[in-house]
Amino acid sequence: MTIIKRQDGTNLKIALEGRLDTMTAPELEKELNASLDNADTLTLNFADLAYISSAGLRVLLSAHKVMSKKGGMKVVNVNEIVKEVFDVTGFADILTIE
């Protein structure tokens, strides 16, 4: 998985490429832990994310909890495969997906 991070003031944007799974979720978690203190909003771009596992969902839920106390978090450009995982797990009801 590739993580592309861009910070514009307190707006953090992260694009993910590849697979967010058991092997790569710790990498994203580490990046978010290092970055969220300086962010009021978080946008996750999933245009090039091919797959997400339960380990990836756990990282998203953790980030959502942190960002819900700030300016919020949204997920954009979700493909059908990832959208189906969000629908089946109920994450579609929890996350802001655009």
PDB file of N, CA and C in Angstrom:
ATOM      1  N   MET A   1       0.837  -1.168   0.000  1.00  0.00           N
ATOM      2  CA  MET A   1       0.000   0.000   0.000  1.00  0.00           C
ATOM      3  C   MET A   1       0.889   1.240   0.000  1.00  0.00           C
ATOM      4  N   THR A   2       0.439   2.237  -0.719  1.00  0.00           N
ATOM      5  CA  THR A   2       1.118   3.525  -0.764  1.00  0.00           C
ATOM      6  C   THR A   2       0.233   4.563  -0.085  1.00  0.00           C
ATOM      7  N   ILE A   3       0.851   5.379   0.771  1.00  0.00           N
ATOM      8  CA  ILE A   3       0.154   6.456   1.466  1.00  0.00           C
ATOM      9  C   ILE A   3       0.684   7.776   0.930  1.00  0.00           C
ATOM     10  N   ILE A   4      -0.204   8.591   0.403  1.00  0.00           N
ATOM     11  CA  ILE A   4       0.166   9.911  -0.098  1.00  0.00           C
ATOM     12  C   ILE A   4      -0.509  10.935   0.800  1.00  0.00           C
ATOM     13  N   LYS A   5       0.314  11.701   1.533  1.00  0.00           N
ATOM     14  CA  LYS A   5      -0.198  12.645   2.530  1.00  0.00           C
ATOM     15  C   LYS A   5       0.033  14.069   2.064  1.00  0.00           C
ATOM     16  N   ARG A   6      -0.998  14.899   2.248  1.00  0.00           N
ATOM     17  CA  ARG A   6      -0.884  16.323   1.961  1.00  0.00           C
ATOM     18  C   ARG A   6      -1.582  17.091   3.066  1.00  0.00           C
ATOM     19  N   GLN A   7      -0.892  18.056   3.626  1.00  0.00           N
ATOM     20  CA  GLN A   7      -1.486  18.868   4.697  1.00  0.00           C
ATOM     21  C   GLN A   7      -1.584  20.305   4.215  1.00  0.00           C
ATOM     22  N   ASP A   8      -2.780  20.865   4.293  1.00  0.00           N
ATOM     23  CA  ASP A   8      -3.025  22.251   3.927  1.00  0.00           C
ATOM     24  C   ASP A   8      -3.557  22.946   5.173  1.00  0.00           C
ATOM     25  N   GLY A   9      -2.663  23.553   5.939  1.00  0.00           N
ATOM     26  CA  GLY A   9      -3.052  24.129   7.223  1.00  0.00           C
ATOM     27  C   GLY A   9      -3.454  23.014   8.170  1.00  0.00           C
ATOM     28  N   THR A  10      -4.700  23.050   8.625  1.00  0.00           N
ATOM     29  CA  THR A  10      -5.187  22.002   9.523  1.00  0.00           C
ATOM     30  C   THR A  10      -6.034  20.962   8.790  1.00  0.00           C
ATOM     31  N   ASN A  11      -6.045  21.039   7.454  1.00  0.00           N
ATOM     32  CA  ASN A  11      -6.773  20.068   6.641  1.00  0.00           C
ATOM     33  C   ASN A  11      -5.797  18.999   6.152  1.00  0.00           C
ATOM     34  N   LEU A  12      -5.981  17.784   6.638  1.00  0.00           N
ATOM     35  CA  LEU A  12      -5.123  16.664   6.260  1.00  0.00           C
ATOM     36  C   LEU A  12      -5.827  15.826   5.210  1.00  0.00           C
ATOM     37  N   LYS A  13      -5.119  15.551   4.111  1.00  0.00           N
ATOM     38  CA  LYS A  13      -5.660  14.706   3.050  1.00  0.00           C
ATOM     39  C   LYS A  13      -4.706  13.539   2.839  1.00  0.00           C
ATOM     40  N   ILE A  14      -5.274  12.341   2.871  1.00  0.00           N
ATOM     41  CA  ILE A  14      -4.478  11.130   2.673  1.00  0.00           C
ATOM     42  C   ILE A  14      -5.132  10.293   1.580  1.00  0.00           C
ATOM     43  N   ALA A  15      -4.338   9.952   0.584  1.00  0.00           N
ATOM     44  CA  ALA A  15      -4.789   9.062  -0.491  1.00  0.00           C
ATOM     45  C   ALA A  15      -4.099   7.715  -0.301  1.00  0.00           C
ATOM     46  N   LEU A  16      -4.873   6.663  -0.457  1.00  0.00           N
ATOM     47  CA  LEU A  16      -4.333   5.306  -0.311  1.00  0.00           C
ATOM     48  C   LEU A  16      -4.380   4.584  -1.644  1.00  0.00           C
ATOM     49  N   GLU A  17      -3.298   3.865  -1.941  1.00  0.00           N
ATOM     50  CA  GLU A  17      -3.238   3.051  -3.149  1.00  0.00           C
ATOM     51  C   GLU A  17      -2.902   1.618  -2.763  1.00  0.00           C
ATOM     52  N   GLY A  18      -3.628   0.671  -3.317  1.00  0.00           N
ATOM     53  CA  GLY A  18      -3.336  -0.738  -3.048  1.00  0.00           C
ATOM     54  C   GLY A  18      -4.342  -1.377  -2.119  1.00  0.00           C
ATOM     55  N   ARG A  19      -3.829  -2.144  -1.137  1.00  0.00           N
ATOM     56  CA  ARG A  19      -4.677  -2.908  -0.234  1.00  0.00           C
ATOM     57  C   ARG A  19      -4.464  -2.443   1.206  1.00  0.00           C
ATOM     58  N   LEU A  20      -5.568  -2.181   1.902  1.00  0.00           N
ATOM     59  CA  LEU A  20      -5.516  -1.858   3.326  1.00  0.00           C
ATOM     60  C   LEU A  20      -5.963  -3.106   4.074  1.00  0.00           C
ATOM     61  N   ASP A  21      -4.976  -3.867   4.553  1.00  0.00           N
ATOM     62  CA  ASP A  21      -5.266  -5.156   5.170  1.00  0.00           C
ATOM     63  C   ASP A  21      -4.405  -5.355   6.414  1.00  0.00           C
ATOM     64  N   THR A  22      -4.342  -6.568   6.904  1.00  0.00           N
ATOM     65  CA  THR A  22      -3.602  -6.868   8.129  1.00  0.00           C
ATOM     66  C   THR A  22      -2.137  -6.460   8.030  1.00  0.00           C
ATOM     67  N   MET A  23      -1.568  -6.591   6.869  1.00  0.00           N
ATOM     68  CA  MET A  23      -0.150  -6.269   6.686  1.00  0.00           C
ATOM     69  C   MET A  23       0.101  -4.760   6.606  1.00  0.00           C
ATOM     70  N   THR A  24      -0.845  -4.010   6.043  1.00  0.00           N
ATOM     71  CA  THR A  24      -0.603  -2.584   5.790  1.00  0.00           C
ATOM     72  C   THR A  24      -1.312  -1.651   6.767  1.00  0.00           C
ATOM     73  N   ALA A  25      -2.306  -2.138   7.486  1.00  0.00           N
ATOM     74  CA  ALA A  25      -3.053  -1.296   8.423  1.00  0.00           C
ATOM     75  C   ALA A  25      -2.152  -0.654   9.481  1.00  0.00           C
ATOM     76  N   PRO A  26      -1.158  -1.365  10.035  1.00  0.00           N
ATOM     77  CA  PRO A  26      -0.279  -0.714  11.019  1.00  0.00           C
ATOM     78  C   PRO A  26       0.476   0.501  10.458  1.00  0.00           C
ATOM     79  N   GLU A  27       0.798   0.453   9.175  1.00  0.00           N
ATOM     80  CA  GLU A  27       1.481   1.576   8.523  1.00  0.00           C
ATOM     81  C   GLU A  27       0.567   2.809   8.488  1.00  0.00           C
ATOM     82  N   LEU A  28      -0.696   2.605   8.109  1.00  0.00           N
ATOM     83  CA  LEU A  28      -1.649   3.718   8.097  1.00  0.00           C
ATOM     84  C   LEU A  28      -1.905   4.219   9.508  1.00  0.00           C
ATOM     85  N   GLU A  29      -2.046   3.303  10.452  1.00  0.00           N
ATOM     86  CA  GLU A  29      -2.284   3.690  11.840  1.00  0.00           C
ATOM     87  C   GLU A  29      -1.140   4.554  12.370  1.00  0.00           C
ATOM     88  N   LYS A  30       0.082   4.172  12.055  1.00  0.00           N
ATOM     89  CA  LYS A  30       1.255   4.933  12.487  1.00  0.00           C
ATOM     90  C   LYS A  30       1.238   6.331  11.876  1.00  0.00           C
ATOM     91  N   GLU A  31       0.925   6.421  10.596  1.00  0.00           N
ATOM     92  CA  GLU A  31       0.864   7.716   9.909  1.00  0.00           C
ATOM     93  C   GLU A  31      -0.225   8.607  10.501  1.00  0.00           C
ATOM     94  N   LEU A  32      -1.389   8.039  10.768  1.00  0.00           N
ATOM     95  CA  LEU A  32      -2.484   8.820  11.345  1.00  0.00           C
ATOM     96  C   LEU A  32      -2.152   9.269  12.761  1.00  0.00           C
ATOM     97  N   ASN A  33      -1.579   8.396  13.561  1.00  0.00           N
ATOM     98  CA  ASN A  33      -1.213   8.766  14.932  1.00  0.00           C
ATOM     99  C   ASN A  33      -0.230   9.930  14.954  1.00  0.00           C
ATOM    100  N   ALA A  34       0.661   9.962  13.970  1.00  0.00           N
ATOM    101  CA  ALA A  34       1.652  11.032  13.894  1.00  0.00           C
ATOM    102  C   ALA A  34       1.076  12.326  13.334  1.00  0.00           C
ATOM    103  N   SER A  35      -0.045  12.248  12.630  1.00  0.00           N
ATOM    104  CA  SER A  35      -0.554  13.407  11.892  1.00  0.00           C
ATOM    105  C   SER A  35      -1.821  14.037  12.448  1.00  0.00           C
ATOM    106  N   LEU A  36      -2.645  13.285  13.156  1.00  0.00           N
ATOM    107  CA  LEU A  36      -3.972  13.788  13.527  1.00  0.00           C
ATOM    108  C   LEU A  36      -3.947  14.906  14.562  1.00  0.00           C
ATOM    109  N   ASP A  37      -2.903  14.985  15.377  1.00  0.00           N
ATOM    110  CA  ASP A  37      -2.836  16.062  16.364  1.00  0.00           C
ATOM    111  C   ASP A  37      -2.815  17.430  15.704  1.00  0.00           C
ATOM    112  N   ASN A  38      -2.254  17.510  14.507  1.00  0.00           N
ATOM    113  CA  ASN A  38      -2.132  18.775  13.792  1.00  0.00           C
ATOM    114  C   ASN A  38      -3.242  19.004  12.775  1.00  0.00           C
ATOM    115  N   ALA A  39      -4.280  18.187  12.821  1.00  0.00           N
ATOM    116  CA  ALA A  39      -5.354  18.278  11.827  1.00  0.00           C
ATOM    117  C   ALA A  39      -6.706  18.519  12.497  1.00  0.00           C
ATOM    118  N   ASP A  40      -7.491  19.390  11.873  1.00  0.00           N
ATOM    119  CA  ASP A  40      -8.873  19.595  12.312  1.00  0.00           C
ATOM    120  C   ASP A  40      -9.848  18.807  11.446  1.00  0.00           C
ATOM    121  N   THR A  41      -9.456  18.557  10.191  1.00  0.00           N
ATOM    122  CA  THR A  41     -10.275  17.746   9.290  1.00  0.00           C
ATOM    123  C   THR A  41      -9.388  16.723   8.602  1.00  0.00           C
ATOM    124  N   LEU A  42      -9.993  15.593   8.282  1.00  0.00           N
ATOM    125  CA  LEU A  42      -9.283  14.509   7.593  1.00  0.00           C
ATOM    126  C   LEU A  42     -10.117  14.048   6.410  1.00  0.00           C
ATOM    127  N   THR A  43      -9.497  14.013   5.237  1.00  0.00           N
ATOM    128  CA  THR A  43     -10.130  13.468   4.039  1.00  0.00           C
ATOM    129  C   THR A  43      -9.292  12.284   3.572  1.00  0.00           C
ATOM    130  N   LEU A  44      -9.936  11.139   3.465  1.00  0.00           N
ATOM    131  CA  LEU A  44      -9.280   9.929   2.967  1.00  0.00           C
ATOM    132  C   LEU A  44      -9.766   9.673   1.546  1.00  0.00           C
ATOM    133  N   ASN A  45      -8.845   9.655   0.597  1.00  0.00           N
ATOM    134  CA  ASN A  45      -9.184   9.425  -0.799  1.00  0.00           C
ATOM    135  C   ASN A  45      -8.911   7.955  -1.128  1.00  0.00           C
ATOM    136  N   PHE A  46      -9.966   7.229  -1.451  1.00  0.00           N
ATOM    137  CA  PHE A  46      -9.867   5.795  -1.727  1.00  0.00           C
ATOM    138  C   PHE A  46      -9.984   5.479  -3.213  1.00  0.00           C
ATOM    139  N   ALA A  47      -9.707   6.440  -4.089  1.00  0.00           N
ATOM    140  CA  ALA A  47      -9.844   6.223  -5.535  1.00  0.00           C
ATOM    141  C   ALA A  47      -9.006   5.034  -6.012  1.00  0.00           C
ATOM    142  N   ASP A  48      -7.835   4.839  -5.409  1.00  0.00           N
ATOM    143  CA  ASP A  48      -6.946   3.758  -5.840  1.00  0.00           C
ATOM    144  C   ASP A  48      -6.792   2.657  -4.796  1.00  0.00           C
ATOM    145  N   LEU A  49      -7.747   2.589  -3.862  1.00  0.00           N
ATOM    146  CA  LEU A  49      -7.738   1.520  -2.863  1.00  0.00           C
ATOM    147  C   LEU A  49      -8.503   0.323  -3.425  1.00  0.00           C
ATOM    148  N   ALA A  50      -7.817  -0.801  -3.544  1.00  0.00           N
ATOM    149  CA  ALA A  50      -8.407  -1.984  -4.174  1.00  0.00           C
ATOM    150  C   ALA A  50      -9.159  -2.873  -3.190  1.00  0.00           C
ATOM    151  N   TYR A  51      -8.790  -2.806  -1.893  1.00  0.00           N
ATOM    152  CA  TYR A  51      -9.341  -3.767  -0.929  1.00  0.00           C
ATOM    153  C   TYR A  51      -9.179  -3.202   0.477  1.00  0.00           C
ATOM    154  N   ILE A  52     -10.138  -3.510   1.351  1.00  0.00           N
ATOM    155  CA  ILE A  52     -10.024  -3.156   2.764  1.00  0.00           C
ATOM    156  C   ILE A  52     -10.483  -4.341   3.608  1.00  0.00           C
ATOM    157  N   SER A  53      -9.703  -4.665   4.633  1.00  0.00           N
ATOM    158  CA  SER A  53     -10.030  -5.780   5.525  1.00  0.00           C
ATOM    159  C   SER A  53     -10.525  -5.237   6.857  1.00  0.00           C
ATOM    160  N   SER A  54     -10.836  -6.135   7.772  1.00  0.00           N
ATOM    161  CA  SER A  54     -11.287  -5.722   9.102  1.00  0.00           C
ATOM    162  C   SER A  54     -10.203  -4.941   9.838  1.00  0.00           C
ATOM    163  N   ALA A  55      -8.948  -5.247   9.574  1.00  0.00           N
ATOM    164  CA  ALA A  55      -7.847  -4.494  10.193  1.00  0.00           C
ATOM    165  C   ALA A  55      -7.867  -3.044   9.704  1.00  0.00           C
ATOM    166  N   GLY A  56      -8.144  -2.860   8.437  1.00  0.00           N
ATOM    167  CA  GLY A  56      -8.269  -1.509   7.882  1.00  0.00           C
ATOM    168  C   GLY A  56      -9.473  -0.778   8.443  1.00  0.00           C
ATOM    169  N   LEU A  57     -10.574  -1.490   8.621  1.00  0.00           N
ATOM    170  CA  LEU A  57     -11.780  -0.885   9.203  1.00  0.00           C
ATOM    171  C   LEU A  57     -11.521  -0.418  10.629  1.00  0.00           C
ATOM    172  N   ARG A  58     -10.744  -1.186  11.369  1.00  0.00           N
ATOM    173  CA  ARG A  58     -10.420  -0.807  12.746  1.00  0.00           C
ATOM    174  C   ARG A  58      -9.646   0.514  12.772  1.00  0.00           C
ATOM    175  N   VAL A  59      -8.697   0.684  11.852  1.00  0.00           N
ATOM    176  CA  VAL A  59      -7.926   1.924  11.772  1.00  0.00           C
ATOM    177  C   VAL A  59      -8.854   3.092  11.418  1.00  0.00           C
ATOM    178  N   LEU A  60      -9.771   2.873  10.488  1.00  0.00           N
ATOM    179  CA  LEU A  60     -10.721   3.927  10.116  1.00  0.00           C
ATOM    180  C   LEU A  60     -11.604   4.319  11.291  1.00  0.00           C
ATOM    181  N   LEU A  61     -12.076   3.334  12.039  1.00  0.00           N
ATOM    182  CA  LEU A  61     -12.932   3.615  13.188  1.00  0.00           C
ATOM    183  C   LEU A  61     -12.182   4.419  14.244  1.00  0.00           C
ATOM    184  N   SER A  62     -10.949   4.071  14.486  1.00  0.00           N
ATOM    185  CA  SER A  62     -10.129   4.796  15.447  1.00  0.00           C
ATOM    186  C   SER A  62      -9.931   6.247  15.009  1.00  0.00           C
ATOM    187  N   ALA A  63      -9.612   6.456  13.736  1.00  0.00           N
ATOM    188  CA  ALA A  63      -9.442   7.814  13.215  1.00  0.00           C
ATOM    189  C   ALA A  63     -10.751   8.589  13.286  1.00  0.00           C
ATOM    190  N   HIS A  64     -11.862   7.915  12.986  1.00  0.00           N
ATOM    191  CA  HIS A  64     -13.178   8.560  13.038  1.00  0.00           C
ATOM    192  C   HIS A  64     -13.489   9.053  14.450  1.00  0.00           C
ATOM    193  N   LYS A  65     -13.164   8.244  15.449  1.00  0.00           N
ATOM    194  CA  LYS A  65     -13.409   8.643  16.841  1.00  0.00           C
ATOM    195  C   LYS A  65     -12.619   9.895  17.201  1.00  0.00           C
ATOM    196  N   VAL A  66     -11.366   9.949  16.793  1.00  0.00           N
ATOM    197  CA  VAL A  66     -10.527  11.115  17.074  1.00  0.00           C
ATOM    198  C   VAL A  66     -11.061  12.347  16.344  1.00  0.00           C
ATOM    199  N   MET A  67     -11.360  12.191  15.064  1.00  0.00           N
ATOM    200  CA  MET A  67     -11.753  13.339  14.244  1.00  0.00           C
ATOM    201  C   MET A  67     -13.172  13.811  14.529  1.00  0.00           C
ATOM    202  N   SER A  68     -14.023  12.965  15.080  1.00  0.00           N
ATOM    203  CA  SER A  68     -15.388  13.391  15.406  1.00  0.00           C
ATOM    204  C   SER A  68     -15.389  14.422  16.528  1.00  0.00           C
ATOM    205  N   LYS A  69     -14.308  14.479  17.301  1.00  0.00           N
ATOM    206  CA  LYS A  69     -14.183  15.480  18.363  1.00  0.00           C
ATOM    207  C   LYS A  69     -13.589  16.776  17.823  1.00  0.00           C
ATOM    208  N   LYS A  70     -13.197  16.763  16.563  1.00  0.00           N
ATOM    209  CA  LYS A  70     -12.602  17.928  15.912  1.00  0.00           C
ATOM    210  C   LYS A  70     -13.534  18.371  14.791  1.00  0.00           C
ATOM    211  N   GLY A  71     -12.973  18.609  13.611  1.00  0.00           N
ATOM    212  CA  GLY A  71     -13.759  19.095  12.474  1.00  0.00           C
ATOM    213  C   GLY A  71     -14.389  18.009  11.640  1.00  0.00           C
ATOM    214  N   GLY A  72     -13.994  16.756  11.859  1.00  0.00           N
ATOM    215  CA  GLY A  72     -14.622  15.654  11.142  1.00  0.00           C
ATOM    216  C   GLY A  72     -13.705  14.952  10.167  1.00  0.00           C
ATOM    217  N   MET A  73     -14.226  13.847   9.649  1.00  0.00           N
ATOM    218  CA  MET A  73     -13.500  13.004   8.710  1.00  0.00           C
ATOM    219  C   MET A  73     -14.455  12.572   7.613  1.00  0.00           C
ATOM    220  N   LYS A  74     -13.955  12.541   6.373  1.00  0.00           N
ATOM    221  CA  LYS A  74     -14.768  12.025   5.270  1.00  0.00           C
ATOM    222  C   LYS A  74     -13.921  11.130   4.392  1.00  0.00           C
ATOM    223  N   VAL A  75     -14.595  10.216   3.727  1.00  0.00           N
ATOM    224  CA  VAL A  75     -13.958   9.287   2.800  1.00  0.00           C
ATOM    225  C   VAL A  75     -14.523   9.586   1.423  1.00  0.00           C
ATOM    226  N   VAL A  76     -13.635   9.793   0.446  1.00  0.00           N
ATOM    227  CA  VAL A  76     -14.084  10.149  -0.896  1.00  0.00           C
ATOM    228  C   VAL A  76     -13.585   9.131  -1.915  1.00  0.00           C
ATOM    229  N   ASN A  77     -14.269   9.102  -3.058  1.00  0.00           N
ATOM    230  CA  ASN A  77     -13.886   8.256  -4.200  1.00  0.00           C
ATOM    231  C   ASN A  77     -13.817   6.772  -3.840  1.00  0.00           C
ATOM    232  N   VAL A  78     -14.857   6.283  -3.194  1.00  0.00           N
ATOM    233  CA  VAL A  78     -14.906   4.878  -2.781  1.00  0.00           C
ATOM    234  C   VAL A  78     -15.413   4.023  -3.944  1.00  0.00           C
ATOM    235  N   ASN A  79     -14.647   2.986  -4.288  1.00  0.00           N
ATOM    236  CA  ASN A  79     -15.079   2.108  -5.376  1.00  0.00           C
ATOM    237  C   ASN A  79     -16.130   1.117  -4.878  1.00  0.00           C
ATOM    238  N   GLU A  80     -16.694   0.357  -5.780  1.00  0.00           N
ATOM    239  CA  GLU A  80     -17.790  -0.557  -5.450  1.00  0.00           C
ATOM    240  C   GLU A  80     -17.371  -1.671  -4.490  1.00  0.00           C
ATOM    241  N   ILE A  81     -16.156  -2.172  -4.615  1.00  0.00           N
ATOM    242  CA  ILE A  81     -15.688  -3.259  -3.747  1.00  0.00           C
ATOM    243  C   ILE A  81     -15.612  -2.771  -2.302  1.00  0.00           C
ATOM    244  N   VAL A  82     -14.988  -1.629  -2.090  1.00  0.00           N
ATOM    245  CA  VAL A  82     -14.860  -1.078  -0.742  1.00  0.00           C
ATOM    246  C   VAL A  82     -16.224  -0.627  -0.227  1.00  0.00           C
ATOM    247  N   LYS A  83     -17.041  -0.045  -1.112  1.00  0.00           N
ATOM    248  CA  LYS A  83     -18.388   0.397  -0.704  1.00  0.00           C
ATOM    249  C   LYS A  83     -19.213  -0.785  -0.201  1.00  0.00           C
ATOM    250  N   GLU A  84     -19.087  -1.924  -0.847  1.00  0.00           N
ATOM    251  CA  GLU A  84     -19.816  -3.119  -0.409  1.00  0.00           C
ATOM    252  C   GLU A  84     -19.379  -3.548   0.990  1.00  0.00           C
ATOM    253  N   VAL A  85     -18.081  -3.490   1.266  1.00  0.00           N
ATOM    254  CA  VAL A  85     -17.584  -3.812   2.605  1.00  0.00           C
ATOM    255  C   VAL A  85     -18.171  -2.836   3.623  1.00  0.00           C
ATOM    256  N   PHE A  86     -18.193  -1.536   3.286  1.00  0.00           N
ATOM    257  CA  PHE A  86     -18.782  -0.537   4.180  1.00  0.00           C
ATOM    258  C   PHE A  86     -20.262  -0.820   4.425  1.00  0.00           C
ATOM    259  N   ASP A  87     -20.991  -1.201   3.384  1.00  0.00           N
ATOM    260  CA  ASP A  87     -22.423  -1.490   3.516  1.00  0.00           C
ATOM    261  C   ASP A  87     -22.669  -2.707   4.406  1.00  0.00           C
ATOM    262  N   VAL A  88     -21.942  -3.787   4.155  1.00  0.00           N
ATOM    263  CA  VAL A  88     -22.141  -5.041   4.890  1.00  0.00           C
ATOM    264  C   VAL A  88     -21.779  -4.891   6.370  1.00  0.00           C
ATOM    265  N   THR A  89     -20.734  -4.109   6.658  1.00  0.00           N
ATOM    266  CA  THR A  89     -20.262  -3.966   8.036  1.00  0.00           C
ATOM    267  C   THR A  89     -20.956  -2.855   8.816  1.00  0.00           C
ATOM    268  N   GLY A  90     -21.761  -2.043   8.132  1.00  0.00           N
ATOM    269  CA  GLY A  90     -22.422  -0.919   8.789  1.00  0.00           C
ATOM    270  C   GLY A  90     -21.584   0.335   8.833  1.00  0.00           C
ATOM    271  N   PHE A  91     -20.384   0.301   8.278  1.00  0.00           N
ATOM    272  CA  PHE A  91     -19.540   1.487   8.245  1.00  0.00           C
ATOM    273  C   PHE A  91     -20.129   2.585   7.368  1.00  0.00           C
ATOM    274  N   ALA A  92     -20.968   2.205   6.409  1.00  0.00           N
ATOM    275  CA  ALA A  92     -21.623   3.202   5.558  1.00  0.00           C
ATOM    276  C   ALA A  92     -22.515   4.122   6.395  1.00  0.00           C
ATOM    277  N   ASP A  93     -23.013   3.617   7.517  1.00  0.00           N
ATOM    278  CA  ASP A  93     -23.854   4.415   8.414  1.00  0.00           C
ATOM    279  C   ASP A  93     -23.037   5.245   9.389  1.00  0.00           C
ATOM    280  N   ILE A  94     -21.789   4.881   9.582  1.00  0.00           N
ATOM    281  CA  ILE A  94     -20.930   5.566  10.565  1.00  0.00           C
ATOM    282  C   ILE A  94     -20.109   6.665   9.898  1.00  0.00           C
ATOM    283  N   LEU A  95     -19.515   6.339   8.751  1.00  0.00           N
ATOM    284  CA  LEU A  95     -18.602   7.261   8.079  1.00  0.00           C
ATOM    285  C   LEU A  95     -19.326   8.231   7.164  1.00  0.00           C
ATOM    286  N   THR A  96     -18.726   9.386   6.931  1.00  0.00           N
ATOM    287  CA  THR A  96     -19.197  10.310   5.914  1.00  0.00           C
ATOM    288  C   THR A  96     -18.503   9.928   4.621  1.00  0.00           C
ATOM    289  N   ILE A  97     -19.288   9.435   3.647  1.00  0.00           N
ATOM    290  CA  ILE A  97     -18.736   8.950   2.394  1.00  0.00           C
ATOM    291  C   ILE A  97     -19.272   9.823   1.259  1.00  0.00           C
ATOM    292  N   GLU A  98     -18.369  10.364   0.494  1.00  0.00           N
ATOM    293  CA  GLU A  98     -18.760  11.218  -0.649  1.00  0.00           C
ATOM    294  C   GLU A  98     -18.270  10.634  -1.938  1.00  0.00           C
TER     295      GLU A  98
END
